Amino acid sequence: MAIQTKIREWGNSFGIVIPKEVVIKEGFKVNDRITISIIKKQSLEEFFGRGMGKIKDTQKEKNEARRLWKMK
């Protein structure tokens, strides 16, 4: 299951909120142990860079994109 949520400050730490619908659907209870996979969402600018007007090697860019897609 994949959901999107925001990181929030929680005292001196960070935390995420699991939506109530997911908690109900999955049957989570307080103190349950779960495993979470984290994938940071990148903007297109972060992915492709700010190279407006710069000459880039298109093949290198395609190879890098393919490498990153295989990681997901």
Protein backbone atom coordinates (compact mmCIF):
# COMPACT_ATOMS: atom_id res chain seq x y z
CA MET A 1 0.00 0.00 0.00
CA ALA A 2 1.30 3.45 -0.86
CA ILE A 3 0.11 6.65 0.81
CA GLN A 4 1.37 10.22 0.85
CA THR A 5 1.80 12.12 4.09
CA LYS A 6 3.82 15.07 5.36
CA ILE A 7 6.63 15.09 7.91
CA ARG A 8 5.71 17.22 10.93
CA GLU A 9 7.60 18.47 13.95
CA TRP A 10 6.80 16.56 17.09
CA GLY A 11 8.67 18.10 20.03
CA ASN A 12 12.38 17.70 19.25
CA SER A 13 11.65 14.98 16.68
CA PHE A 14 9.83 14.52 13.40
CA GLY A 15 6.79 12.34 12.87
CA ILE A 16 4.31 11.25 10.25
CA VAL A 17 0.58 10.72 10.58
CA ILE A 18 -0.99 7.57 9.19
CA PRO A 19 -4.46 8.43 7.86
CA LYS A 20 -7.35 6.96 9.88
CA GLU A 21 -8.69 5.13 6.81
CA VAL A 22 -5.39 3.23 6.52
CA VAL A 23 -5.33 2.43 10.24
CA ILE A 24 -8.84 0.97 10.02
CA LYS A 25 -8.22 -0.89 6.75
CA GLU A 26 -4.98 -2.46 7.99
CA GLY A 27 -6.27 -3.06 11.53
CA PHE A 28 -3.41 -1.20 13.21
CA LYS A 29 -3.50 -0.87 16.99
CA VAL A 30 -1.46 1.20 19.45
CA ASN A 31 2.02 -0.33 19.96
CA ASP A 32 1.82 -2.46 16.79
CA ARG A 33 5.19 -2.76 15.06
CA ILE A 34 5.12 -1.93 11.36
CA THR A 35 7.72 -1.54 8.62
CA ILE A 36 7.66 1.62 6.50
CA SER A 37 9.49 2.11 3.18
CA ILE A 38 10.38 5.74 2.55
CA ILE A 39 10.72 7.26 -0.91
CA LYS A 40 11.37 10.98 -1.11
CA LYS A 41 9.31 12.63 -3.79
CA GLN A 42 11.48 14.76 -6.09
CA SER A 43 10.41 17.72 -8.12
CA LEU A 44 11.19 17.70 -11.84
CA GLU A 45 13.69 20.50 -11.22
CA GLU A 46 15.55 18.36 -8.65
CA PHE A 47 15.42 15.35 -10.96
CA PHE A 48 16.58 17.10 -14.14
CA GLY A 49 18.50 19.97 -12.55
CA ARG A 50 18.36 23.66 -13.27
CA GLY A 51 20.30 23.37 -16.51
CA MET A 52 18.28 25.82 -18.58
CA GLY A 53 20.54 26.95 -21.40
CA LYS A 54 23.28 24.45 -20.57
CA ILE A 55 24.30 21.80 -23.08
CA LYS A 56 23.91 18.33 -21.60
CA ASP A 57 24.75 14.88 -22.82
CA THR A 58 21.25 13.54 -23.50
CA GLN A 59 22.33 9.90 -23.38
CA LYS A 60 23.92 10.37 -19.95
CA GLU A 61 20.70 12.00 -18.72
CA LYS A 62 18.60 9.10 -20.06
CA ASN A 63 20.93 6.53 -18.46
CA GLU A 64 20.72 8.35 -15.10
CA ALA A 65 16.92 8.48 -15.32
CA ARG A 66 16.77 4.75 -16.06
CA ARG A 67 19.09 4.03 -13.12
CA LEU A 68 16.91 6.05 -10.75
CA TRP A 69 13.70 4.42 -12.02
CA LYS A 70 15.14 0.95 -11.38
CA MET A 71 15.79 1.93 -7.74
CA LYS A 72 12.06 2.34 -7.04
